[in-house]
All heavy atoms as atom14 arrays in JSON, in Angstrom:
{
  "sequence": "LGKGGNTGPLIVGYELPEIADDLNQVVKYDWLTFL",
  "atom14_mask": [
    [1, 1, 1, 1, 1, 1, 1, 1, 0, 0, 0, 0, 0, 0],
    [1, 1, 1, 1, 0, 0, 0, 0, 0, 0, 0, 0, 0, 0],
    [1, 1, 1, 1, 1, 1, 1, 1, 1, 0, 0, 0, 0, 0],
    [1, 1, 1, 1, 0, 0, 0, 0, 0, 0, 0, 0, 0, 0],
    [1, 1, 1, 1, 0, 0, 0, 0, 0, 0, 0, 0, 0, 0],
    [1, 1, 1, 1, 1, 1, 1, 1, 0, 0, 0, 0, 0, 0],
    [1, 1, 1, 1, 1, 1, 1, 0, 0, 0, 0, 0, 0, 0],
    [1, 1, 1, 1, 0, 0, 0, 0, 0, 0, 0, 0, 0, 0],
    [1, 1, 1, 1, 1, 1, 1, 0, 0, 0, 0, 0, 0, 0],
    [1, 1, 1, 1, 1, 1, 1, 1, 0, 0, 0, 0, 0, 0],
    [1, 1, 1, 1, 1, 1, 1, 1, 0, 0, 0, 0, 0, 0],
    [1, 1, 1, 1, 1, 1, 1, 0, 0, 0, 0, 0, 0, 0],
    [1, 1, 1, 1, 0, 0, 0, 0, 0, 0, 0, 0, 0, 0],
    [1, 1, 1, 1, 1, 1, 1, 1, 1, 1, 1, 1, 0, 0],
    [1, 1, 1, 1, 1, 1, 1, 1, 1, 0, 0, 0, 0, 0],
    [1, 1, 1, 1, 1, 1, 1, 1, 0, 0, 0, 0, 0, 0],
    [1, 1, 1, 1, 1, 1, 1, 0, 0, 0, 0, 0, 0, 0],
    [1, 1, 1, 1, 1, 1, 1, 1, 1, 0, 0, 0, 0, 0],
    [1, 1, 1, 1, 1, 1, 1, 1, 0, 0, 0, 0, 0, 0],
    [1, 1, 1, 1, 1, 0, 0, 0, 0, 0, 0, 0, 0, 0],
    [1, 1, 1, 1, 1, 1, 1, 1, 0, 0, 0, 0, 0, 0],
    [1, 1, 1, 1, 1, 1, 1, 1, 0, 0, 0, 0, 0, 0],
    [1, 1, 1, 1, 1, 1, 1, 1, 0, 0, 0, 0, 0, 0],
    [1, 1, 1, 1, 1, 1, 1, 1, 0, 0, 0, 0, 0, 0],
    [1, 1, 1, 1, 1, 1, 1, 1, 1, 0, 0, 0, 0, 0],
    [1, 1, 1, 1, 1, 1, 1, 0, 0, 0, 0, 0, 0, 0],
    [1, 1, 1, 1, 1, 1, 1, 0, 0, 0, 0, 0, 0, 0],
    [1, 1, 1, 1, 1, 1, 1, 1, 1, 0, 0, 0, 0, 0],
    [1, 1, 1, 1, 1, 1, 1, 1, 1, 1, 1, 1, 0, 0],
    [1, 1, 1, 1, 1, 1, 1, 1, 0, 0, 0, 0, 0, 0],
    [1, 1, 1, 1, 1, 1, 1, 1, 1, 1, 1, 1, 1, 1],
    [1, 1, 1, 1, 1, 1, 1, 1, 0, 0, 0, 0, 0, 0],
    [1, 1, 1, 1, 1, 1, 1, 0, 0, 0, 0, 0, 0, 0],
    [1, 1, 1, 1, 1, 1, 1, 1, 1, 1, 1, 0, 0, 0],
    [1, 1, 1, 1, 1, 1, 1, 1, 0, 0, 0, 0, 0, 0]
  ],
  "atom14_positions": [
    [[87.45, 69.16, 37.15], [88.18, 70.33, 37.56], [87.76, 71.57, 36.91], [88.08, 72.77, 37.24], [89.63, 70.19, 37.37], [90.29, 69.0, 38.15], [91.72, 68.76, 37.87], [90.03, 69.06, 39.63], [0.0, 0.0, 0.0], [0.0, 0.0, 0.0], [0.0, 0.0, 0.0], [0.0, 0.0, 0.0], [0.0, 0.0, 0.0], [0.0, 0.0, 0.0]],
    [[87.14, 71.53, 35.62], [86.82, 72.63, 34.85], [85.29, 73.01, 34.9], [84.93, 73.9, 34.15], [0.0, 0.0, 0.0], [0.0, 0.0, 0.0], [0.0, 0.0, 0.0], [0.0, 0.0, 0.0], [0.0, 0.0, 0.0], [0.0, 0.0, 0.0], [0.0, 0.0, 0.0], [0.0, 0.0, 0.0], [0.0, 0.0, 0.0], [0.0, 0.0, 0.0]],
    [[84.51, 72.42, 35.73], [83.16, 72.87, 35.97], [83.05, 74.44, 36.31], [83.66, 74.92, 37.08], [82.48, 72.13, 36.96], [82.16, 70.66, 36.58], [81.44, 70.0, 37.8], [81.24, 68.46, 37.31], [80.74, 67.59, 38.44], [0.0, 0.0, 0.0], [0.0, 0.0, 0.0], [0.0, 0.0, 0.0], [0.0, 0.0, 0.0], [0.0, 0.0, 0.0]],
    [[82.2, 75.08, 35.4], [82.02, 76.53, 35.5], [82.98, 77.36, 34.76], [82.91, 78.52, 34.73], [0.0, 0.0, 0.0], [0.0, 0.0, 0.0], [0.0, 0.0, 0.0], [0.0, 0.0, 0.0], [0.0, 0.0, 0.0], [0.0, 0.0, 0.0], [0.0, 0.0, 0.0], [0.0, 0.0, 0.0], [0.0, 0.0, 0.0], [0.0, 0.0, 0.0]],
    [[83.97, 76.59, 34.09], [84.79, 77.37, 33.23], [85.84, 78.16, 34.06], [86.23, 77.78, 35.14], [0.0, 0.0, 0.0], [0.0, 0.0, 0.0], [0.0, 0.0, 0.0], [0.0, 0.0, 0.0], [0.0, 0.0, 0.0], [0.0, 0.0, 0.0], [0.0, 0.0, 0.0], [0.0, 0.0, 0.0], [0.0, 0.0, 0.0], [0.0, 0.0, 0.0]],
    [[86.21, 79.33, 33.51], [87.19, 80.17, 34.32], [86.35, 80.91, 35.35], [85.59, 81.85, 34.93], [87.88, 81.07, 33.24], [88.78, 80.31, 32.32], [89.34, 79.32, 32.6], [88.69, 80.86, 31.03], [0.0, 0.0, 0.0], [0.0, 0.0, 0.0], [0.0, 0.0, 0.0], [0.0, 0.0, 0.0], [0.0, 0.0, 0.0], [0.0, 0.0, 0.0]],
    [[86.58, 80.7, 36.61], [85.77, 81.31, 37.59], [86.46, 82.34, 38.39], [85.73, 83.07, 39.18], [85.29, 80.11, 38.61], [86.51, 79.64, 39.32], [84.59, 78.96, 37.89], [0.0, 0.0, 0.0], [0.0, 0.0, 0.0], [0.0, 0.0, 0.0], [0.0, 0.0, 0.0], [0.0, 0.0, 0.0], [0.0, 0.0, 0.0], [0.0, 0.0, 0.0]],
    [[87.81, 82.52, 38.38], [88.37, 83.2, 39.42], [88.41, 82.48, 40.71], [87.99, 81.26, 40.75], [0.0, 0.0, 0.0], [0.0, 0.0, 0.0], [0.0, 0.0, 0.0], [0.0, 0.0, 0.0], [0.0, 0.0, 0.0], [0.0, 0.0, 0.0], [0.0, 0.0, 0.0], [0.0, 0.0, 0.0], [0.0, 0.0, 0.0], [0.0, 0.0, 0.0]],
    [[88.91, 83.09, 41.92], [89.08, 82.27, 43.08], [87.71, 81.91, 43.6], [86.79, 82.65, 43.82], [89.76, 83.2, 44.07], [89.52, 84.51, 43.41], [89.51, 84.33, 42.0], [0.0, 0.0, 0.0], [0.0, 0.0, 0.0], [0.0, 0.0, 0.0], [0.0, 0.0, 0.0], [0.0, 0.0, 0.0], [0.0, 0.0, 0.0], [0.0, 0.0, 0.0]],
    [[87.5, 80.62, 43.75], [86.19, 80.04, 44.24], [86.47, 78.57, 44.9], [87.41, 77.87, 44.48], [85.37, 79.88, 43.01], [83.82, 79.4, 43.17], [83.0, 80.3, 44.16], [83.26, 79.32, 41.81], [0.0, 0.0, 0.0], [0.0, 0.0, 0.0], [0.0, 0.0, 0.0], [0.0, 0.0, 0.0], [0.0, 0.0, 0.0], [0.0, 0.0, 0.0]],
    [[85.58, 78.21, 45.77], [85.59, 76.89, 46.38], [84.27, 76.13, 46.03], [83.26, 76.7, 46.33], [85.83, 76.93, 47.76], [87.07, 77.66, 48.13], [85.83, 75.61, 48.46], [87.42, 78.06, 49.61], [0.0, 0.0, 0.0], [0.0, 0.0, 0.0], [0.0, 0.0, 0.0], [0.0, 0.0, 0.0], [0.0, 0.0, 0.0], [0.0, 0.0, 0.0]],
    [[84.3, 74.99, 45.44], [83.18, 74.22, 45.23], [83.37, 72.87, 45.67], [84.2, 72.14, 45.29], [82.98, 74.2, 43.6], [81.75, 73.37, 43.27], [82.74, 75.55, 43.03], [0.0, 0.0, 0.0], [0.0, 0.0, 0.0], [0.0, 0.0, 0.0], [0.0, 0.0, 0.0], [0.0, 0.0, 0.0], [0.0, 0.0, 0.0], [0.0, 0.0, 0.0]],
    [[82.46, 72.4, 46.63], [82.61, 71.16, 47.38], [82.13, 70.02, 46.43], [81.41, 70.09, 45.51], [0.0, 0.0, 0.0], [0.0, 0.0, 0.0], [0.0, 0.0, 0.0], [0.0, 0.0, 0.0], [0.0, 0.0, 0.0], [0.0, 0.0, 0.0], [0.0, 0.0, 0.0], [0.0, 0.0, 0.0], [0.0, 0.0, 0.0], [0.0, 0.0, 0.0]],
    [[82.55, 68.8, 46.86], [82.14, 67.54, 46.19], [81.98, 66.52, 47.11], [82.62, 66.5, 48.31], [82.84, 67.21, 45.0], [84.38, 66.89, 45.33], [84.81, 65.68, 45.79], [85.3, 67.88, 45.31], [86.02, 65.33, 46.15], [86.62, 67.67, 45.64], [86.91, 66.34, 46.06], [88.35, 66.02, 46.33], [0.0, 0.0, 0.0], [0.0, 0.0, 0.0]],
    [[81.34, 65.45, 46.89], [81.18, 64.2, 47.54], [81.58, 62.94, 46.62], [81.72, 63.19, 45.32], [79.88, 63.94, 48.29], [79.54, 64.82, 49.44], [80.33, 64.63, 50.7], [81.15, 63.7, 50.65], [80.04, 65.4, 51.62], [0.0, 0.0, 0.0], [0.0, 0.0, 0.0], [0.0, 0.0, 0.0], [0.0, 0.0, 0.0], [0.0, 0.0, 0.0]],
    [[81.77, 61.88, 47.02], [82.19, 60.64, 46.2], [81.24, 60.5, 45.13], [81.74, 60.16, 43.94], [82.3, 59.39, 47.09], [82.91, 58.2, 46.47], [84.25, 58.4, 45.88], [82.86, 56.94, 47.35], [0.0, 0.0, 0.0], [0.0, 0.0, 0.0], [0.0, 0.0, 0.0], [0.0, 0.0, 0.0], [0.0, 0.0, 0.0], [0.0, 0.0, 0.0]],
    [[79.96, 60.52, 45.19], [79.08, 60.12, 44.12], [79.22, 61.0, 42.85], [79.23, 60.63, 41.67], [77.67, 60.43, 44.54], [77.84, 60.04, 46.08], [79.11, 60.6, 46.46], [0.0, 0.0, 0.0], [0.0, 0.0, 0.0], [0.0, 0.0, 0.0], [0.0, 0.0, 0.0], [0.0, 0.0, 0.0], [0.0, 0.0, 0.0], [0.0, 0.0, 0.0]],
    [[79.7, 62.17, 43.11], [79.92, 63.17, 41.86], [81.21, 62.69, 41.1], [81.29, 62.77, 39.92], [80.19, 64.71, 42.41], [80.44, 65.62, 41.21], [80.89, 66.87, 41.58], [80.59, 67.28, 42.85], [81.31, 67.76, 40.76], [0.0, 0.0, 0.0], [0.0, 0.0, 0.0], [0.0, 0.0, 0.0], [0.0, 0.0, 0.0], [0.0, 0.0, 0.0]],
    [[82.1, 62.21, 41.86], [83.37, 61.71, 41.13], [83.04, 60.49, 40.31], [83.52, 60.46, 39.12], [84.37, 61.34, 42.23], [84.84, 62.53, 42.95], [85.66, 60.7, 41.61], [85.72, 62.25, 44.21], [0.0, 0.0, 0.0], [0.0, 0.0, 0.0], [0.0, 0.0, 0.0], [0.0, 0.0, 0.0], [0.0, 0.0, 0.0], [0.0, 0.0, 0.0]],
    [[82.33, 59.62, 40.93], [81.84, 58.3, 40.02], [80.91, 58.92, 38.86], [81.17, 58.34, 37.77], [81.11, 57.39, 40.92], [0.0, 0.0, 0.0], [0.0, 0.0, 0.0], [0.0, 0.0, 0.0], [0.0, 0.0, 0.0], [0.0, 0.0, 0.0], [0.0, 0.0, 0.0], [0.0, 0.0, 0.0], [0.0, 0.0, 0.0], [0.0, 0.0, 0.0]],
    [[80.13, 59.82, 39.05], [79.28, 60.25, 38.0], [80.14, 60.82, 36.82], [79.96, 60.66, 35.61], [78.18, 61.24, 38.51], [77.24, 60.62, 39.3], [77.04, 59.41, 39.25], [76.55, 61.31, 40.01], [0.0, 0.0, 0.0], [0.0, 0.0, 0.0], [0.0, 0.0, 0.0], [0.0, 0.0, 0.0], [0.0, 0.0, 0.0], [0.0, 0.0, 0.0]],
    [[81.07, 61.68, 37.2], [81.88, 62.35, 36.16], [82.8, 61.31, 35.45], [83.07, 61.46, 34.3], [82.85, 63.3, 36.85], [82.07, 64.57, 37.24], [80.75, 64.72, 36.93], [82.56, 65.44, 38.0], [0.0, 0.0, 0.0], [0.0, 0.0, 0.0], [0.0, 0.0, 0.0], [0.0, 0.0, 0.0], [0.0, 0.0, 0.0], [0.0, 0.0, 0.0]],
    [[83.32, 60.29, 36.22], [84.0, 59.2, 35.52], [83.16, 58.53, 34.59], [83.53, 58.15, 33.37], [84.68, 58.26, 36.54], [85.77, 58.79, 37.38], [86.17, 57.83, 38.5], [87.07, 58.76, 36.3], [0.0, 0.0, 0.0], [0.0, 0.0, 0.0], [0.0, 0.0, 0.0], [0.0, 0.0, 0.0], [0.0, 0.0, 0.0], [0.0, 0.0, 0.0]],
    [[81.94, 58.29, 34.86], [80.93, 57.69, 33.91], [80.59, 58.42, 32.67], [80.11, 57.81, 31.56], [79.62, 57.27, 34.7], [79.75, 55.96, 35.43], [80.15, 54.93, 34.8], [79.48, 55.97, 36.64], [0.0, 0.0, 0.0], [0.0, 0.0, 0.0], [0.0, 0.0, 0.0], [0.0, 0.0, 0.0], [0.0, 0.0, 0.0], [0.0, 0.0, 0.0]],
    [[80.86, 59.82, 32.81], [80.65, 60.52, 31.73], [81.8, 60.36, 30.64], [81.58, 60.54, 29.31], [80.67, 62.04, 31.94], [79.43, 62.5, 32.74], [79.39, 64.04, 32.8], [79.56, 64.8, 32.0], [79.16, 64.45, 34.1], [0.0, 0.0, 0.0], [0.0, 0.0, 0.0], [0.0, 0.0, 0.0], [0.0, 0.0, 0.0], [0.0, 0.0, 0.0]],
    [[82.85, 59.91, 31.19], [84.08, 59.46, 30.2], [83.88, 58.16, 29.59], [84.08, 58.01, 28.53], [85.35, 59.62, 31.05], [86.5, 59.22, 30.08], [85.54, 61.04, 31.63], [0.0, 0.0, 0.0], [0.0, 0.0, 0.0], [0.0, 0.0, 0.0], [0.0, 0.0, 0.0], [0.0, 0.0, 0.0], [0.0, 0.0, 0.0], [0.0, 0.0, 0.0]],
    [[83.55, 57.16, 30.55], [83.36, 55.81, 30.03], [82.45, 55.06, 31.04], [82.76, 55.28, 32.26], [84.6, 54.94, 29.78], [85.51, 54.87, 30.94], [84.39, 53.67, 29.25], [0.0, 0.0, 0.0], [0.0, 0.0, 0.0], [0.0, 0.0, 0.0], [0.0, 0.0, 0.0], [0.0, 0.0, 0.0], [0.0, 0.0, 0.0], [0.0, 0.0, 0.0]],
    [[81.38, 54.31, 30.7], [80.54, 53.66, 31.54], [81.35, 52.45, 32.25], [81.87, 51.67, 31.6], [79.28, 53.16, 30.87], [78.45, 54.27, 30.31], [77.9, 55.09, 31.38], [76.82, 56.04, 30.87], [76.2, 56.91, 31.94], [0.0, 0.0, 0.0], [0.0, 0.0, 0.0], [0.0, 0.0, 0.0], [0.0, 0.0, 0.0], [0.0, 0.0, 0.0]],
    [[81.22, 52.45, 33.59], [81.86, 51.5, 34.4], [81.24, 51.6, 35.76], [80.79, 52.62, 36.15], [83.39, 51.71, 34.36], [84.18, 50.48, 34.9], [84.35, 49.25, 34.14], [84.99, 50.66, 36.2], [85.14, 48.38, 34.8], [85.69, 49.67, 36.67], [85.77, 48.49, 35.89], [86.58, 47.39, 36.43], [0.0, 0.0, 0.0], [0.0, 0.0, 0.0]],
    [[81.44, 50.52, 36.63], [81.11, 50.6, 37.94], [82.1, 51.44, 38.76], [82.96, 50.72, 39.58], [80.85, 49.31, 38.51], [80.23, 49.23, 39.94], [79.97, 50.41, 40.41], [79.88, 48.17, 40.4], [0.0, 0.0, 0.0], [0.0, 0.0, 0.0], [0.0, 0.0, 0.0], [0.0, 0.0, 0.0], [0.0, 0.0, 0.0], [0.0, 0.0, 0.0]],
    [[82.26, 52.64, 38.6], [83.24, 53.44, 39.12], [83.21, 53.54, 40.73], [84.24, 53.56, 41.46], [83.34, 54.91, 38.55], [83.95, 54.81, 37.19], [83.26, 54.92, 36.13], [85.28, 54.49, 36.79], [84.05, 54.93, 34.91], [85.3, 54.56, 35.37], [86.54, 54.3, 37.48], [86.58, 54.37, 34.62], [87.59, 53.96, 36.81], [87.68, 54.05, 35.36]],
    [[81.91, 53.57, 41.26], [81.68, 53.68, 42.53], [82.34, 52.51, 43.33], [83.01, 52.68, 44.32], [80.28, 53.86, 42.95], [79.94, 54.49, 44.32], [80.56, 55.77, 44.57], [78.45, 54.46, 44.48], [0.0, 0.0, 0.0], [0.0, 0.0, 0.0], [0.0, 0.0, 0.0], [0.0, 0.0, 0.0], [0.0, 0.0, 0.0], [0.0, 0.0, 0.0]],
    [[82.11, 51.3, 42.83], [82.72, 50.15, 43.39], [84.11, 50.08, 43.26], [84.88, 49.73, 44.19], [82.06, 48.83, 42.76], [80.59, 48.87, 43.06], [82.62, 47.64, 43.38], [0.0, 0.0, 0.0], [0.0, 0.0, 0.0], [0.0, 0.0, 0.0], [0.0, 0.0, 0.0], [0.0, 0.0, 0.0], [0.0, 0.0, 0.0], [0.0, 0.0, 0.0]],
    [[84.63, 50.44, 42.12], [86.04, 50.51, 41.83], [86.76, 51.49, 42.94], [87.75, 51.05, 43.56], [86.3, 51.15, 40.43], [87.82, 51.54, 40.02], [88.49, 50.66, 39.43], [88.18, 52.83, 40.41], [89.82, 51.0, 39.02], [89.57, 53.19, 40.12], [90.37, 52.11, 39.48], [0.0, 0.0, 0.0], [0.0, 0.0, 0.0], [0.0, 0.0, 0.0]],
    [[86.3, 52.63, 43.25], [86.84, 53.51, 44.08], [86.72, 52.97, 45.6], [87.64, 53.01, 46.36], [86.17, 54.93, 44.09], [86.38, 55.59, 42.66], [85.52, 56.83, 42.52], [87.77, 55.86, 42.45], [0.0, 0.0, 0.0], [0.0, 0.0, 0.0], [0.0, 0.0, 0.0], [0.0, 0.0, 0.0], [0.0, 0.0, 0.0], [0.0, 0.0, 0.0]]
  ]
}
């Protein structure tokens, strides 16, 4: 949620792989399968 820091009003899209990648930055796990 904090990518880009303080941006002002802005819309940044995402797909499922980005969510799994960001979770893996927190702790390694098969997050894509989990989801």
